[in-house]
Amino acid sequence: MRRHLASSLLCGWLCAAPLAWAAPSPRAEVAADAAALQAQVVAWRRDFHQHPELSNREVRTGQKIAEALRAMGLEPTTGVAGHGVTAVIEGGLPGPKIALRADMDALPVSEQTGLPFASTAVGEYRGQQVGVMHACGHDAHMAILLGTAQALVQRRAQLPGQVLLIFQPAEEGAPPPEQGGAELMLKQGLFADFKPEAVFGLHVFSNIAAGRIGVRSGPAMAASDRFSMTINGRQTHGSAPWNGVDPIVAAADVIGTAQSIVSRRANLAKQPAVLTFGAINGGIRYNIIPDQVEMVGTIRTFDADMRQQVFADLRNVAEHVSAAHGASAVTQIYEHEGNPATVNDPALTARMLPSLQAVVGADNVFEPPLQMGSEDFSLYAQAVPSLFFFVGATGAGIDPATAPSNHSPKFLLDEQALDVGLRALLQLSWDYLHGAGPAP
């Protein structure tokens, strides 16, 4: 039933398009180039996987990408937003401009996959030594984009238009107080001289079986915002709480009451939302009521108005519940650090859906549920019509519903995803540049 519903929704997108067109067939050049590049793409991915680097620390990664692009005859720009790399493929024929994006950074996770090319890298994160792992699949994204670049360069004479390659650092978030990621790339003028008509990006996902593609029109991934909260009381001996103001009890009440923000105040019939307290710290001794309790958490939303309402409600709850206990609260929401919701342009999604279906078959392209995770690809999507889709990463014999998730130390990519991702980016690129579907 779920698959039937997804097929119906996808059909609805096509029917809503301004003009009808025949679904394209898999392009012969896509199949030939993907087959020829398969071993190289796997080698690139394994090298990146074995040598991961944290956000804004992608020194070797950037160097390897630039070397590969130069070997293709391209002239990459390095040091973009830190260690990012960009390059433009000039087609031999006139045509539109598009951009393709891959993220570069790894996570502070100690790998537990047992792979022969598993990471043993270590790094520093928030003052602590940590293991470093490509636990989110960015190694695959880089390898897929390099393979796409190689294939397009080889056929540059037949290529209409221009393709901007974006290898982006710090998608997982630059460590405070540093800047980075898509936001910094755009601030530095990524689209100032090269303004694409469309931007395409992908993400491998463990909860999708290898060989399948998930894509949604409109909102696809949530906005993500970090908050911190300090509850101020008055320290006293634990045996005489009436002589002070207990911020721990106030904080507990704030946490409980804050759950009603989503369950009772947010219109969940419109879009989902999540408010999570992730850490709480208060006190150092069993018989001392402390002066302060500090808490941090995350807010996930899809609707811009709901996002602002949750911010206001959280501040209101913190202030007034704390006051009821004789305490006070200071709430900070780091809105400027968060990502907005990732929204796929409906017209572009409808136009390019047949291209994705051509890669894996219509039955293997489906509409996934809204994802509460976030992506700074959303910032490109605010600047340019964009399409972001998910490539299945879990192999046969493993239930995607129970497979180790992205960000897990046991995240295990089936390398079939590399082939699917490569063919998908190539098919999208060729079809768009050749004007597939109705004009946007």
Protein backbone atom coordinates (compact mmCIF):
# COMPACT_ATOMS: atom_id res chain seq x y z
CA MET A 1 0.00 0.00 0.00
CA ARG A 2 2.80 2.39 0.84
CA ARG A 3 4.46 1.82 -2.53
CA HIS A 4 1.13 2.23 -4.32
CA LEU A 5 0.53 5.53 -2.52
CA ALA A 6 4.01 6.77 -3.43
CA SER A 7 3.44 5.87 -7.08
CA SER A 8 0.13 7.75 -7.04
CA LEU A 9 1.78 10.83 -5.60
CA LEU A 10 4.55 10.76 -8.17
CA CYS A 11 1.96 10.42 -10.91
CA GLY A 12 0.23 13.44 -9.47
CA TRP A 13 3.38 15.51 -9.90
CA LEU A 14 3.57 14.57 -13.56
CA CYS A 15 -0.10 15.29 -14.15
CA ALA A 16 0.34 18.69 -12.51
CA ALA A 17 3.17 19.64 -14.89
CA PRO A 18 2.29 22.30 -17.45
CA LEU A 19 2.98 20.04 -20.42
CA ALA A 20 3.18 16.29 -20.94
CA TRP A 21 6.22 14.48 -22.30
CA ALA A 22 7.47 10.94 -22.73
CA ALA A 23 9.66 9.60 -19.97
CA PRO A 24 13.24 9.51 -21.26
CA SER A 25 15.04 6.23 -21.70
CA PRO A 26 18.37 5.55 -20.02
CA ARG A 27 20.93 7.39 -22.11
CA ALA A 28 23.44 5.17 -23.87
CA GLU A 29 26.33 7.46 -22.92
CA VAL A 30 25.29 7.33 -19.27
CA ALA A 31 25.28 3.54 -19.18
CA ALA A 32 28.60 3.29 -21.04
CA ASP A 33 30.41 5.93 -18.99
CA ALA A 34 29.10 4.65 -15.64
CA ALA A 35 30.28 1.13 -16.46
CA ALA A 36 33.69 2.35 -17.56
CA LEU A 37 34.15 4.52 -14.46
CA GLN A 38 32.80 2.08 -11.87
CA ALA A 39 36.18 0.87 -10.61
CA GLN A 40 37.60 4.39 -10.44
CA VAL A 41 34.61 5.71 -8.50
CA VAL A 42 34.90 2.85 -6.01
CA ALA A 43 38.63 3.58 -5.61
CA TRP A 44 37.97 7.27 -4.99
CA ARG A 45 35.30 6.47 -2.43
CA ARG A 46 37.50 4.01 -0.54
CA ASP A 47 40.39 6.45 -0.44
CA PHE A 48 38.18 9.22 0.96
CA HIS A 49 36.65 6.75 3.41
CA GLN A 50 40.04 5.69 4.73
CA HIS A 51 41.20 9.30 5.15
CA PRO A 52 38.25 11.26 6.58
CA GLU A 53 38.57 14.81 7.87
CA LEU A 54 36.29 16.83 10.13
CA SER A 55 34.37 19.96 9.15
CA ASN A 56 36.64 22.84 8.11
CA ARG A 57 39.61 20.46 8.35
CA GLU A 58 39.30 18.86 4.89
CA VAL A 59 42.89 19.65 3.84
CA ARG A 60 43.88 16.34 2.23
CA THR A 61 40.38 15.83 0.87
CA GLY A 62 40.43 19.15 -0.95
CA GLN A 63 43.90 18.47 -2.33
CA LYS A 64 42.87 15.06 -3.69
CA ILE A 65 39.77 16.48 -5.33
CA ALA A 66 41.75 19.29 -6.96
CA GLU A 67 44.37 16.83 -8.21
CA ALA A 68 41.68 14.63 -9.76
CA LEU A 69 40.02 17.61 -11.46
CA ARG A 70 43.33 18.86 -12.85
CA ALA A 71 44.02 15.39 -14.22
CA MET A 72 40.74 15.72 -16.14
CA GLY A 73 41.98 18.95 -17.71
CA LEU A 74 39.87 21.24 -15.52
CA GLU A 75 41.09 24.32 -13.64
CA PRO A 76 39.71 24.02 -10.11
CA THR A 77 39.42 26.88 -7.66
CA THR A 78 40.64 25.77 -4.23
CA GLY A 79 40.32 27.19 -0.73
CA VAL A 80 36.66 28.11 -1.22
CA ALA A 81 34.97 28.60 2.17
CA GLY A 82 37.97 26.93 3.77
CA HIS A 83 38.90 23.82 1.87
CA GLY A 84 36.14 23.70 -0.71
CA VAL A 85 36.81 23.17 -4.41
CA THR A 86 34.88 24.35 -7.45
CA ALA A 87 35.38 23.91 -11.18
CA VAL A 88 33.43 24.66 -14.34
CA ILE A 89 33.02 22.24 -17.23
CA GLU A 90 32.59 24.23 -20.44
CA GLY A 91 30.45 22.36 -22.90
CA GLY A 92 31.21 22.45 -26.60
CA LEU A 93 27.66 23.51 -27.48
CA PRO A 94 25.54 26.43 -26.29
CA GLY A 95 23.09 25.64 -23.52
CA PRO A 96 22.00 26.31 -19.94
CA LYS A 97 24.03 26.41 -16.75
CA ILE A 98 23.61 23.89 -13.95
CA ALA A 99 25.47 23.10 -10.72
CA LEU A 100 26.16 19.75 -9.05
CA ARG A 101 27.08 19.58 -5.36
CA ALA A 102 28.84 17.07 -3.10
CA ASP A 103 29.78 17.57 0.56
CA MET A 104 33.24 16.69 1.85
CA ASP A 105 33.42 16.48 5.65
CA ALA A 106 33.33 13.52 8.02
CA LEU A 107 32.04 13.09 11.58
CA PRO A 108 33.57 12.67 15.05
CA VAL A 109 32.68 8.96 15.09
CA SER A 110 34.94 5.94 15.70
CA GLU A 111 34.32 3.45 12.91
CA GLN A 112 33.06 -0.05 13.78
CA THR A 113 32.36 -1.53 10.34
CA GLY A 114 35.33 -3.89 10.10
CA LEU A 115 35.91 -2.90 6.47
CA PRO A 116 39.43 -3.47 5.12
CA PHE A 117 39.56 0.26 4.30
CA ALA A 118 37.96 1.37 7.58
CA SER A 119 39.10 4.66 9.04
CA THR A 120 41.58 4.73 11.89
CA ALA A 121 41.84 8.51 11.75
CA VAL A 122 41.60 10.65 14.86
CA GLY A 123 40.96 14.34 15.27
CA GLU A 124 40.02 16.99 17.78
CA TYR A 125 36.41 17.96 18.34
CA ARG A 126 35.42 20.48 21.01
CA GLY A 127 38.71 19.99 22.79
CA GLN A 128 38.52 16.19 22.86
CA GLN A 129 40.36 13.60 20.79
CA VAL A 130 37.86 11.62 18.75
CA GLY A 131 37.73 9.02 16.04
CA VAL A 132 36.84 10.35 12.59
CA MET A 133 34.62 8.50 10.11
CA HIS A 134 32.66 9.11 6.93
CA ALA A 135 29.57 7.89 8.78
CA CYS A 136 27.17 9.92 6.65
CA GLY A 137 28.28 8.95 3.15
CA HIS A 138 30.03 12.12 2.05
CA ASP A 139 32.87 9.94 0.76
CA ALA A 140 30.36 8.44 -1.68
CA HIS A 141 29.05 11.86 -2.68
CA MET A 142 32.53 13.11 -3.59
CA ALA A 143 33.38 9.99 -5.56
CA ILE A 144 30.07 10.16 -7.45
CA LEU A 145 30.62 13.81 -8.38
CA LEU A 146 34.19 13.14 -9.51
CA GLY A 147 32.91 10.30 -11.67
CA THR A 148 30.21 12.58 -13.09
CA ALA A 149 32.83 15.22 -13.86
CA GLN A 150 35.07 12.69 -15.61
CA ALA A 151 32.20 11.41 -17.76
CA LEU A 152 31.04 14.91 -18.75
CA VAL A 153 34.58 16.09 -19.55
CA GLN A 154 35.15 13.07 -21.80
CA ARG A 155 32.12 14.11 -23.87
CA ARG A 156 32.63 17.84 -23.57
CA ALA A 157 32.35 18.39 -27.33
CA GLN A 158 28.75 17.09 -27.28
CA LEU A 159 27.85 18.80 -23.99
CA PRO A 160 25.45 21.75 -24.17
CA GLY A 161 26.00 24.56 -21.69
CA GLN A 162 28.13 24.65 -18.57
CA VAL A 163 28.32 22.63 -15.37
CA LEU A 164 29.57 24.02 -12.06
CA LEU A 165 31.05 21.38 -9.77
CA ILE A 166 30.70 22.23 -6.06
CA PHE A 167 32.73 20.25 -3.54
CA GLN A 168 31.52 21.77 -0.29
CA PRO A 169 33.23 21.58 3.11
CA ALA A 170 31.61 21.65 6.55
CA GLU A 171 28.11 20.43 5.71
CA GLU A 172 27.93 18.90 9.19
CA GLY A 173 28.49 22.35 10.65
CA ALA A 174 31.61 24.38 11.27
CA PRO A 175 32.81 24.17 14.86
CA PRO A 176 31.84 27.42 16.67
CA PRO A 177 32.88 30.18 16.33
CA GLU A 178 34.05 29.29 12.81
CA GLN A 179 31.96 29.79 9.70
CA GLY A 180 31.70 27.33 6.85
CA GLY A 181 29.56 25.19 4.62
CA ALA A 182 27.08 26.30 1.99
CA GLU A 183 26.41 29.58 3.80
CA LEU A 184 30.05 30.68 3.56
CA MET A 185 30.35 29.51 -0.04
CA LEU A 186 27.38 31.67 -0.98
CA LYS A 187 28.66 34.61 1.06
CA GLN A 188 31.94 34.39 -0.85
CA GLY A 189 30.07 34.71 -4.15
CA LEU A 190 29.63 31.13 -5.35
CA PHE A 191 26.82 32.18 -7.69
CA ALA A 192 28.06 35.73 -8.36
CA ASP A 193 29.75 35.00 -11.70
CA PHE A 194 28.11 31.66 -12.44
CA LYS A 195 24.38 31.70 -11.71
CA PRO A 196 22.97 28.25 -12.54
CA GLU A 197 19.41 27.63 -13.65
CA ALA A 198 19.26 24.56 -11.43
CA VAL A 199 21.29 22.83 -8.72
CA PHE A 200 21.25 19.07 -8.18
CA GLY A 201 22.43 17.16 -5.12
CA LEU A 202 22.04 13.70 -3.64
CA HIS A 203 22.48 11.88 -0.35
CA VAL A 204 23.01 8.19 0.25
CA PHE A 205 20.60 6.89 2.88
CA SER A 206 20.76 3.70 4.92
CA ASN A 207 17.00 3.44 5.37
CA ILE A 208 16.54 2.97 1.61
CA ALA A 209 17.51 -0.25 -0.16
CA ALA A 210 20.33 -0.05 -2.67
CA GLY A 211 18.96 0.28 -6.18
CA ARG A 212 16.13 2.64 -5.18
CA ILE A 213 15.82 6.43 -5.25
CA GLY A 214 13.65 8.57 -2.97
CA VAL A 215 12.54 12.05 -4.01
CA ARG A 216 9.92 14.51 -2.75
CA SER A 217 8.48 17.62 -4.32
CA GLY A 218 8.41 20.62 -1.99
CA PRO A 219 9.68 20.27 1.61
CA ALA A 220 11.95 17.25 1.96
CA MET A 221 14.21 17.81 4.99
CA ALA A 222 13.60 19.85 8.12
CA ALA A 223 14.97 23.16 9.25
CA SER A 224 17.39 22.66 12.12
CA ASP A 225 17.99 25.16 14.92
CA ARG A 226 20.12 24.84 18.04
CA PHE A 227 19.11 26.42 21.34
CA SER A 228 20.66 26.86 24.76
CA MET A 229 18.89 27.71 27.99
CA THR A 230 20.21 28.81 31.37
CA ILE A 231 17.92 28.56 34.42
CA ASN A 232 19.19 30.84 37.19
CA GLY A 233 18.33 30.06 40.81
CA ARG A 234 20.04 30.69 44.12
CA GLN A 235 22.46 28.21 45.63
CA THR A 236 21.79 26.71 49.04
CA HIS A 237 22.36 23.59 51.10
CA GLY A 238 20.38 20.57 49.95
CA SER A 239 18.96 20.14 53.43
CA ALA A 240 17.29 23.56 53.36
CA PRO A 241 15.88 24.23 49.87
CA TRP A 242 13.65 27.01 51.24
CA ASN A 243 16.76 29.14 51.72
CA GLY A 244 17.45 29.22 47.98
CA VAL A 245 15.81 28.82 44.57
CA ASP A 246 16.21 25.39 43.04
CA PRO A 247 17.01 25.69 39.30
CA ILE A 248 17.00 21.90 38.89
CA VAL A 249 13.32 21.61 39.79
CA ALA A 250 12.56 24.65 37.62
CA ALA A 251 14.49 23.10 34.72
CA ALA A 252 12.61 19.82 35.06
CA ASP A 253 9.32 21.72 34.92
CA VAL A 254 10.50 23.68 31.88
CA ILE A 255 11.42 20.48 30.05
CA GLY A 256 8.07 18.88 30.80
CA THR A 257 6.02 21.95 29.88
CA ALA A 258 8.02 22.52 26.70
CA GLN A 259 6.74 19.20 25.35
CA SER A 260 3.32 20.81 25.02
CA ILE A 261 4.70 23.28 22.49
CA VAL A 262 4.67 20.64 19.76
CA SER A 263 1.91 18.42 21.10
CA ARG A 264 -0.58 21.21 21.85
CA ARG A 265 0.44 24.47 20.17
CA ALA A 266 1.97 23.51 16.81
CA ASN A 267 -0.46 22.70 14.01
CA LEU A 268 0.79 19.21 13.23
CA ALA A 269 -1.95 18.78 10.65
CA LYS A 270 0.05 21.24 8.55
CA GLN A 271 3.64 20.04 9.06
CA PRO A 272 5.49 18.03 11.71
CA ALA A 273 7.83 19.58 14.26
CA VAL A 274 10.25 18.30 16.90
CA LEU A 275 11.65 19.97 20.02
CA THR A 276 14.37 17.99 21.80
CA PHE A 277 16.48 18.70 24.87
CA GLY A 278 19.78 16.98 24.21
CA ALA A 279 21.85 17.76 27.31
CA ILE A 280 21.36 19.13 30.82
CA ASN A 281 24.05 20.16 33.26
CA GLY A 282 23.54 21.47 36.77
CA GLY A 283 25.24 21.01 40.10
CA ILE A 284 28.43 19.29 41.22
CA ARG A 285 27.59 17.76 44.62
CA TYR A 286 24.78 15.65 46.02
CA ASN A 287 23.89 18.02 48.89
CA ILE A 288 24.20 21.41 47.19
CA ILE A 289 21.40 23.05 45.24
CA PRO A 290 23.28 24.94 42.50
CA ASP A 291 22.90 28.46 41.17
CA GLN A 292 22.34 27.41 37.57
CA VAL A 293 21.24 24.67 35.22
CA GLU A 294 22.30 24.77 31.58
CA MET A 295 20.46 22.92 28.82
CA VAL A 296 20.87 22.59 25.07
CA GLY A 297 18.65 21.14 22.38
CA THR A 298 17.37 21.23 18.83
CA ILE A 299 14.23 22.39 17.03
CA ARG A 300 13.13 20.80 13.74
CA THR A 301 10.42 22.35 11.57
CA PHE A 302 9.31 22.55 7.93
CA ASP A 303 7.10 25.64 7.94
CA ALA A 304 8.73 29.07 8.34
CA ASP A 305 5.87 30.52 10.40
CA MET A 306 5.72 27.45 12.64
CA ARG A 307 9.47 27.71 13.13
CA GLN A 308 9.16 31.26 14.49
CA GLN A 309 6.17 30.29 16.63
CA VAL A 310 8.11 27.44 18.27
CA PHE A 311 10.96 29.86 19.00
CA ALA A 312 8.54 32.28 20.68
CA ASP A 313 6.75 29.52 22.60
CA LEU A 314 10.00 28.08 23.92
CA ARG A 315 11.15 31.45 25.21
CA ASN A 316 7.75 32.03 26.77
CA VAL A 317 7.68 28.66 28.53
CA ALA A 318 11.24 29.06 29.84
CA GLU A 319 10.61 32.55 31.18
CA HIS A 320 7.24 32.00 32.84
CA VAL A 321 7.72 28.47 34.19
CA SER A 322 11.04 29.51 35.69
CA ALA A 323 9.41 32.59 37.21
CA ALA A 324 6.77 30.41 38.82
CA HIS A 325 9.61 28.73 40.73
CA GLY A 326 11.23 32.03 41.66
CA ALA A 327 13.97 31.43 39.09
CA SER A 328 14.78 33.20 35.83
CA ALA A 329 15.67 31.91 32.38
CA VAL A 330 17.85 33.07 29.52
CA THR A 331 17.10 31.35 26.20
CA GLN A 332 19.25 31.68 23.11
CA ILE A 333 18.20 30.29 19.75
CA TYR A 334 21.06 30.29 17.26
CA GLU A 335 18.87 30.92 14.26
CA HIS A 336 21.74 32.29 12.18
CA GLU A 337 23.62 28.98 12.61
CA GLY A 338 20.73 26.72 11.64
CA ASN A 339 19.64 25.37 8.28
CA PRO A 340 16.28 26.24 6.75
CA ALA A 341 14.10 23.44 5.43
CA THR A 342 15.32 21.79 2.25
CA VAL A 343 12.62 22.45 -0.33
CA ASN A 344 12.69 20.87 -3.78
CA ASP A 345 11.38 23.14 -6.51
CA PRO A 346 8.07 21.54 -7.59
CA ALA A 347 8.41 22.39 -11.29
CA LEU A 348 12.01 21.18 -11.44
CA THR A 349 11.12 18.00 -9.54
CA ALA A 350 8.26 17.20 -11.91
CA ARG A 351 10.44 17.96 -14.91
CA MET A 352 13.34 15.74 -13.83
CA LEU A 353 11.40 12.89 -12.21
CA PRO A 354 11.38 10.86 -15.46
CA SER A 355 15.18 11.13 -15.56
CA LEU A 356 15.45 9.44 -12.16
CA GLN A 357 12.92 6.82 -13.25
CA ALA A 358 15.02 6.13 -16.33
CA VAL A 359 17.98 5.24 -14.09
CA VAL A 360 16.39 2.61 -11.82
CA GLY A 361 12.90 2.11 -13.25
CA ALA A 362 9.69 3.83 -12.24
CA ASP A 363 8.92 1.17 -9.61
CA ASN A 364 12.15 1.96 -7.80
CA VAL A 365 11.57 5.71 -7.52
CA PHE A 366 9.30 6.58 -4.62
CA GLU A 367 8.25 9.45 -2.37
CA PRO A 368 9.90 9.02 1.06
CA PRO A 369 8.42 10.49 4.23
CA LEU A 370 9.54 13.91 5.40
CA GLN A 371 13.01 13.68 6.90
CA MET A 372 13.56 15.39 10.26
CA GLY A 373 17.29 15.60 9.56
CA SER A 374 18.58 18.78 7.95
CA GLU A 375 20.92 19.75 5.12
CA ASP A 376 22.62 23.01 4.25
CA PHE A 377 21.88 22.21 0.60
CA SER A 378 18.72 24.10 1.60
CA LEU A 379 20.65 27.35 1.22
CA TYR A 380 21.37 26.65 -2.46
CA ALA A 381 17.68 25.82 -2.87
CA GLN A 382 16.78 29.26 -1.52
CA ALA A 383 18.97 30.89 -4.16
CA VAL A 384 18.30 28.68 -7.20
CA PRO A 385 15.63 26.11 -8.17
CA SER A 386 17.05 22.86 -6.82
CA LEU A 387 16.47 19.14 -6.59
CA PHE A 388 17.85 17.00 -3.76
CA PHE A 389 17.21 13.25 -3.74
CA PHE A 390 18.11 10.15 -1.74
CA VAL A 391 20.01 7.13 -3.05
CA GLY A 392 19.54 3.79 -1.30
CA ALA A 393 22.66 2.59 0.52
CA THR A 394 21.69 -0.68 2.22
CA GLY A 395 22.44 -3.92 0.40
CA ALA A 396 20.46 -7.09 -0.16
CA GLY A 397 19.78 -9.23 2.88
CA ILE A 398 19.69 -6.26 5.28
CA ASP A 399 16.43 -4.65 6.30
CA PRO A 400 16.78 -0.89 5.65
CA ALA A 401 14.40 -0.25 8.56
CA THR A 402 16.89 -1.73 11.02
CA ALA A 403 20.18 -1.06 9.22
CA PRO A 404 22.70 1.15 11.08
CA SER A 405 21.67 4.70 10.32
CA ASN A 406 23.66 7.54 8.85
CA HIS A 407 25.92 8.92 11.62
CA SER A 408 26.24 5.44 13.17
CA PRO A 409 29.75 3.97 13.72
CA LYS A 410 28.40 0.90 11.87
CA PHE A 411 27.00 2.80 8.87
CA LEU A 412 27.70 0.48 5.96
CA LEU A 413 27.39 1.67 2.37
CA ASP A 414 26.58 -0.87 -0.31
CA GLU A 415 28.75 0.30 -3.20
CA GLN A 416 25.89 -0.27 -5.63
CA ALA A 417 24.86 3.18 -4.43
CA LEU A 418 27.90 4.61 -6.19
CA ASP A 419 26.73 3.30 -9.54
CA VAL A 420 23.13 4.46 -9.01
CA GLY A 421 24.24 7.90 -7.84
CA LEU A 422 26.63 8.30 -10.76
CA ARG A 423 24.03 7.31 -13.34
CA ALA A 424 21.44 9.54 -11.69
CA LEU A 425 23.61 12.67 -11.75
CA LEU A 426 24.68 11.96 -15.32
CA GLN A 427 21.14 11.34 -16.54
CA LEU A 428 19.87 14.49 -14.80
CA SER A 429 22.71 16.55 -16.26
CA TRP A 430 22.35 15.35 -19.84
CA ASP A 431 18.56 15.50 -19.80
CA TYR A 432 18.40 18.99 -18.33
CA LEU A 433 21.11 20.39 -20.57
CA HIS A 434 19.34 18.93 -23.59
CA GLY A 435 16.04 20.48 -22.46
CA ALA A 436 14.22 17.36 -21.28
CA GLY A 437 10.61 17.97 -20.32
CA PRO A 438 8.77 21.29 -20.51
CA ALA A 439 10.74 24.48 -20.08
CA PRO A 440 10.92 25.62 -16.44
